[in-house]
Amino acid sequence: MSTSSDEAGIYTSIPQKKYKGIRRRKWGKWVSEIRVPGTQQRLWLGSYATPEAAAIAHDVAFYCLRGISSPEKLNFPLMLPPGARTGLSPRSVQNAASDAGMAIDAHFSSTNNTNSITANQNEDDNNLYWETSWEGSDQSREGEALSISVEDYL
């Protein structure tokens, strides 16, 4: 939590939620990386405009590398995309995490619409799906996987 004061001596608090596995660069970007279990190797997960995007990337990588045995170690335990699974190669984990983080950044960068992201659990097969809705639009894509890749930006 940071505190600042103005000339009148009034203090204001600006709360800043701390997410696991991310940090802020001095120029304002949020980055995420994770250690590969059993090695000293760090897996770079990307650079993002929002802390939430970096946190989602970390969550996806954490789940893919370690499974869901410790949901309290995730920033957003209900926000795992449907394609996230364990047993992937480090490069595949990196791609999955980057895709999820970029999708969140793309969602938040939309300036014309007020967006909300939630995760719903499908009662039929217990899979989590992304649900995205835009105010002012009657479109809702429930149960649809996000389709964005780091290769789209290379």
C-alpha atoms as a PDB file:
ATOM      1  CA  MET A   1       0.000   0.000   0.000  1.00  0.00           C
ATOM      2  CA  SER A   2       1.386   3.411  -0.867  1.00  0.00           C
ATOM      3  CA  THR A   3       0.541   6.661   0.834  1.00  0.00           C
ATOM      4  CA  SER A   4       0.928  10.164  -0.533  1.00  0.00           C
ATOM      5  CA  SER A   5       0.146  13.591   0.836  1.00  0.00           C
ATOM      6  CA  ASP A   6      -0.813  16.864  -0.760  1.00  0.00           C
ATOM      7  CA  GLU A   7       0.073  20.410   0.350  1.00  0.00           C
ATOM      8  CA  ALA A   8      -2.813  20.549   2.836  1.00  0.00           C
ATOM      9  CA  GLY A   9      -1.407  17.558   4.698  1.00  0.00           C
ATOM     10  CA  ILE A  10      -4.267  15.234   3.786  1.00  0.00           C
ATOM     11  CA  TYR A  11      -3.207  11.622   3.287  1.00  0.00           C
ATOM     12  CA  THR A  12      -4.690   9.401   0.648  1.00  0.00           C
ATOM     13  CA  SER A  13      -4.270   5.667   0.343  1.00  0.00           C
ATOM     14  CA  ILE A  14      -3.932   3.925  -2.973  1.00  0.00           C
ATOM     15  CA  PRO A  15      -4.258   0.173  -2.422  1.00  0.00           C
ATOM     16  CA  GLN A  16      -2.235  -2.022  -4.770  1.00  0.00           C
ATOM     17  CA  LYS A  17      -3.114  -5.732  -4.800  1.00  0.00           C
ATOM     18  CA  LYS A  18      -0.030  -7.932  -4.769  1.00  0.00           C
ATOM     19  CA  TYR A  19      -0.191 -10.892  -7.105  1.00  0.00           C
ATOM     20  CA  LYS A  20       2.110 -13.900  -6.900  1.00  0.00           C
ATOM     21  CA  GLY A  21       4.803 -14.394  -9.527  1.00  0.00           C
ATOM     22  CA  ILE A  22       4.789 -10.913 -11.071  1.00  0.00           C
ATOM     23  CA  ARG A  23       6.733  -7.682 -10.778  1.00  0.00           C
ATOM     24  CA  ARG A  24       6.560  -4.210 -12.256  1.00  0.00           C
ATOM     25  CA  ARG A  25       9.317  -2.809 -14.437  1.00  0.00           C
ATOM     26  CA  LYS A  26      10.395   0.775 -13.764  1.00  0.00           C
ATOM     27  CA  TRP A  27       8.774   1.886 -17.041  1.00  0.00           C
ATOM     28  CA  GLY A  28       5.394   0.494 -15.988  1.00  0.00           C
ATOM     29  CA  LYS A  29       5.086  -2.893 -17.710  1.00  0.00           C
ATOM     30  CA  TRP A  30       4.202  -5.961 -15.646  1.00  0.00           C
ATOM     31  CA  VAL A  31       6.273  -9.107 -16.146  1.00  0.00           C
ATOM     32  CA  SER A  32       5.944 -12.694 -15.047  1.00  0.00           C
ATOM     33  CA  GLU A  33       8.286 -15.657 -14.815  1.00  0.00           C
ATOM     34  CA  ILE A  34       8.270 -18.949 -12.962  1.00  0.00           C
ATOM     35  CA  ARG A  35      10.874 -21.493 -11.930  1.00  0.00           C
ATOM     36  CA  VAL A  36      10.667 -24.895 -13.635  1.00  0.00           C
ATOM     37  CA  PRO A  37      10.267 -27.554 -10.901  1.00  0.00           C
ATOM     38  CA  GLY A  38      13.378 -29.609 -10.222  1.00  0.00           C
ATOM     39  CA  THR A  39      15.694 -27.192 -12.039  1.00  0.00           C
ATOM     40  CA  GLN A  40      17.242 -23.769 -11.555  1.00  0.00           C
ATOM     41  CA  GLN A  41      15.773 -22.684 -14.901  1.00  0.00           C
ATOM     42  CA  ARG A  42      13.349 -19.767 -14.990  1.00  0.00           C
ATOM     43  CA  LEU A  43      10.631 -19.740 -17.610  1.00  0.00           C
ATOM     44  CA  TRP A  44       9.886 -16.267 -18.996  1.00  0.00           C
ATOM     45  CA  LEU A  45       6.115 -15.794 -19.310  1.00  0.00           C
ATOM     46  CA  GLY A  46       5.986 -12.348 -20.864  1.00  0.00           C
ATOM     47  CA  SER A  47       5.523  -8.642 -20.388  1.00  0.00           C
ATOM     48  CA  TYR A  48       2.003  -7.247 -19.972  1.00  0.00           C
ATOM     49  CA  ALA A  49       0.195  -3.926 -19.646  1.00  0.00           C
ATOM     50  CA  THR A  50      -1.813  -4.968 -16.579  1.00  0.00           C
ATOM     51  CA  PRO A  51      -0.895  -6.809 -13.385  1.00  0.00           C
ATOM     52  CA  GLU A  52      -3.940  -9.057 -13.845  1.00  0.00           C
ATOM     53  CA  ALA A  53      -2.643 -10.292 -17.209  1.00  0.00           C
ATOM     54  CA  ALA A  54       0.768 -11.108 -15.727  1.00  0.00           C
ATOM     55  CA  ALA A  55      -0.934 -12.853 -12.787  1.00  0.00           C
ATOM     56  CA  ILE A  56      -3.111 -14.974 -15.099  1.00  0.00           C
ATOM     57  CA  ALA A  57      -0.008 -15.945 -17.107  1.00  0.00           C
ATOM     58  CA  HIS A  58       1.683 -17.019 -13.864  1.00  0.00           C
ATOM     59  CA  ASP A  59      -1.397 -19.010 -12.791  1.00  0.00           C
ATOM     60  CA  VAL A  60      -1.565 -20.885 -16.096  1.00  0.00           C
ATOM     61  CA  ALA A  61       2.144 -21.731 -15.949  1.00  0.00           C
ATOM     62  CA  PHE A  62       1.901 -22.745 -12.281  1.00  0.00           C
ATOM     63  CA  TYR A  63      -1.017 -25.064 -13.046  1.00  0.00           C
ATOM     64  CA  CYS A  64       0.664 -26.585 -16.124  1.00  0.00           C
ATOM     65  CA  LEU A  65       3.919 -27.210 -14.236  1.00  0.00           C
ATOM     66  CA  ARG A  66       2.616 -28.218 -10.804  1.00  0.00           C
ATOM     67  CA  GLY A  67      -1.071 -29.083 -11.109  1.00  0.00           C
ATOM     68  CA  ILE A  68      -3.890 -27.740  -8.948  1.00  0.00           C
ATOM     69  CA  SER A  69      -2.921 -29.393  -5.657  1.00  0.00           C
ATOM     70  CA  SER A  70      -2.496 -25.932  -4.085  1.00  0.00           C
ATOM     71  CA  PRO A  71      -5.221 -23.573  -5.367  1.00  0.00           C
ATOM     72  CA  GLU A  72      -4.305 -21.049  -2.652  1.00  0.00           C
ATOM     73  CA  LYS A  73      -1.037 -20.477  -4.532  1.00  0.00           C
ATOM     74  CA  LEU A  74      -2.955 -19.199  -7.567  1.00  0.00           C
ATOM     75  CA  ASN A  75      -3.943 -15.562  -7.994  1.00  0.00           C
ATOM     76  CA  PHE A  76      -7.234 -16.398  -9.735  1.00  0.00           C
ATOM     77  CA  PRO A  77      -8.023 -20.100  -9.117  1.00  0.00           C
ATOM     78  CA  LEU A  78     -11.318 -19.969 -11.055  1.00  0.00           C
ATOM     79  CA  MET A  79      -9.849 -18.267 -14.121  1.00  0.00           C
ATOM     80  CA  LEU A  80      -7.839 -21.107 -15.671  1.00  0.00           C
ATOM     81  CA  PRO A  81      -8.599 -21.364 -19.402  1.00  0.00           C
ATOM     82  CA  PRO A  82     -10.066 -24.646 -20.663  1.00  0.00           C
ATOM     83  CA  GLY A  83      -6.908 -25.554 -22.610  1.00  0.00           C
ATOM     84  CA  ALA A  84      -4.625 -25.497 -19.552  1.00  0.00           C
ATOM     85  CA  ARG A  85      -3.351 -28.947 -18.634  1.00  0.00           C
ATOM     86  CA  THR A  86      -0.413 -30.569 -16.884  1.00  0.00           C
ATOM     87  CA  GLY A  87       2.437 -32.489 -18.496  1.00  0.00           C
ATOM     88  CA  LEU A  88       3.363 -29.890 -21.125  1.00  0.00           C
ATOM     89  CA  SER A  89       6.889 -29.065 -22.248  1.00  0.00           C
ATOM     90  CA  PRO A  90       8.351 -25.798 -20.905  1.00  0.00           C
ATOM     91  CA  ARG A  91       7.911 -24.167 -24.335  1.00  0.00           C
ATOM     92  CA  SER A  92       4.244 -25.249 -24.464  1.00  0.00           C
ATOM     93  CA  VAL A  93       3.719 -23.949 -20.921  1.00  0.00           C
ATOM     94  CA  GLN A  94       5.288 -20.652 -21.975  1.00  0.00           C
ATOM     95  CA  ASN A  95       2.962 -20.404 -24.995  1.00  0.00           C
ATOM     96  CA  ALA A  96      -0.166 -21.271 -22.987  1.00  0.00           C
ATOM     97  CA  ALA A  97       0.696 -18.746 -20.265  1.00  0.00           C
ATOM     98  CA  SER A  98       1.537 -16.038 -22.787  1.00  0.00           C
ATOM     99  CA  ASP A  99      -1.691 -16.647 -24.700  1.00  0.00           C
ATOM    100  CA  ALA A 100      -3.767 -16.334 -21.521  1.00  0.00           C
ATOM    101  CA  GLY A 101      -1.958 -13.175 -20.402  1.00  0.00           C
ATOM    102  CA  MET A 102      -2.275 -11.522 -23.807  1.00  0.00           C
ATOM    103  CA  ALA A 103      -5.976 -12.376 -23.914  1.00  0.00           C
ATOM    104  CA  ILE A 104      -6.491 -10.594 -20.586  1.00  0.00           C
ATOM    105  CA  ASP A 105      -4.459  -7.588 -21.776  1.00  0.00           C
ATOM    106  CA  ALA A 106      -6.483  -7.462 -24.995  1.00  0.00           C
ATOM    107  CA  HIS A 107      -9.652  -7.614 -22.961  1.00  0.00           C
ATOM    108  CA  PHE A 108      -8.622  -4.760 -20.673  1.00  0.00           C
ATOM    109  CA  SER A 109      -7.225  -2.625 -23.493  1.00  0.00           C
ATOM    110  CA  SER A 110     -10.638  -2.316 -25.093  1.00  0.00           C
ATOM    111  CA  THR A 111     -11.427   1.365 -24.525  1.00  0.00           C
ATOM    112  CA  ASN A 112     -14.799   1.545 -26.250  1.00  0.00           C
ATOM    113  CA  ASN A 113     -16.506  -1.020 -24.047  1.00  0.00           C
ATOM    114  CA  THR A 114     -16.704  -1.775 -20.352  1.00  0.00           C
ATOM    115  CA  ASN A 115     -15.731  -5.411 -20.038  1.00  0.00           C
ATOM    116  CA  SER A 116     -16.015  -8.050 -17.377  1.00  0.00           C
ATOM    117  CA  ILE A 117     -14.371 -11.453 -17.220  1.00  0.00           C
ATOM    118  CA  THR A 118     -15.683 -14.299 -15.120  1.00  0.00           C
ATOM    119  CA  ALA A 119     -15.088 -18.002 -14.992  1.00  0.00           C
ATOM    120  CA  ASN A 120     -18.079 -20.304 -14.799  1.00  0.00           C
ATOM    121  CA  GLN A 121     -18.026 -23.963 -14.004  1.00  0.00           C
ATOM    122  CA  ASN A 122     -19.926 -26.153 -16.415  1.00  0.00           C
ATOM    123  CA  GLU A 123     -21.998 -28.519 -14.284  1.00  0.00           C
ATOM    124  CA  ASP A 124     -21.957 -31.260 -16.928  1.00  0.00           C
ATOM    125  CA  ASP A 125     -18.219 -31.934 -17.097  1.00  0.00           C
ATOM    126  CA  ASN A 126     -16.663 -29.734 -14.364  1.00  0.00           C
ATOM    127  CA  ASN A 127     -14.519 -27.754 -16.818  1.00  0.00           C
ATOM    128  CA  LEU A 128     -13.953 -24.040 -16.398  1.00  0.00           C
ATOM    129  CA  TYR A 129     -14.845 -21.823 -19.333  1.00  0.00           C
ATOM    130  CA  TRP A 130     -14.235 -18.172 -20.081  1.00  0.00           C
ATOM    131  CA  GLU A 131     -17.297 -15.999 -20.225  1.00  0.00           C
ATOM    132  CA  THR A 132     -16.829 -12.549 -21.687  1.00  0.00           C
ATOM    133  CA  SER A 133     -19.527  -9.946 -21.935  1.00  0.00           C
ATOM    134  CA  TRP A 134     -19.491  -6.375 -23.162  1.00  0.00           C
ATOM    135  CA  GLU A 135     -21.840  -3.689 -21.893  1.00  0.00           C
ATOM    136  CA  GLY A 136     -23.940  -2.297 -24.685  1.00  0.00           C
ATOM    137  CA  SER A 137     -23.718  -5.551 -26.588  1.00  0.00           C
ATOM    138  CA  ASP A 138     -26.023  -8.526 -26.466  1.00  0.00           C
ATOM    139  CA  GLN A 139     -23.202 -10.879 -27.465  1.00  0.00           C
ATOM    140  CA  SER A 140     -21.949 -13.368 -24.908  1.00  0.00           C
ATOM    141  CA  ARG A 141     -19.614 -16.224 -25.732  1.00  0.00           C
ATOM    142  CA  GLU A 142     -20.096 -18.748 -22.998  1.00  0.00           C
ATOM    143  CA  GLY A 143     -18.047 -21.926 -23.162  1.00  0.00           C
ATOM    144  CA  GLU A 144     -15.851 -20.654 -25.992  1.00  0.00           C
ATOM    145  CA  ALA A 145     -12.069 -20.957 -25.705  1.00  0.00           C
ATOM    146  CA  LEU A 146      -9.964 -17.875 -26.322  1.00  0.00           C
ATOM    147  CA  SER A 147      -8.043 -18.037 -29.575  1.00  0.00           C
ATOM    148  CA  ILE A 148      -4.937 -15.863 -29.433  1.00  0.00           C
ATOM    149  CA  SER A 149      -1.315 -16.853 -29.747  1.00  0.00           C
ATOM    150  CA  VAL A 150       2.091 -15.271 -29.265  1.00  0.00           C
ATOM    151  CA  GLU A 151       2.801 -16.181 -32.898  1.00  0.00           C
ATOM    152  CA  ASP A 152       0.076 -13.688 -33.907  1.00  0.00           C
ATOM    153  CA  TYR A 153       2.348 -10.882 -32.740  1.00  0.00           C
ATOM    154  CA  LEU A 154       5.678 -12.008 -34.234  1.00  0.00           C
END
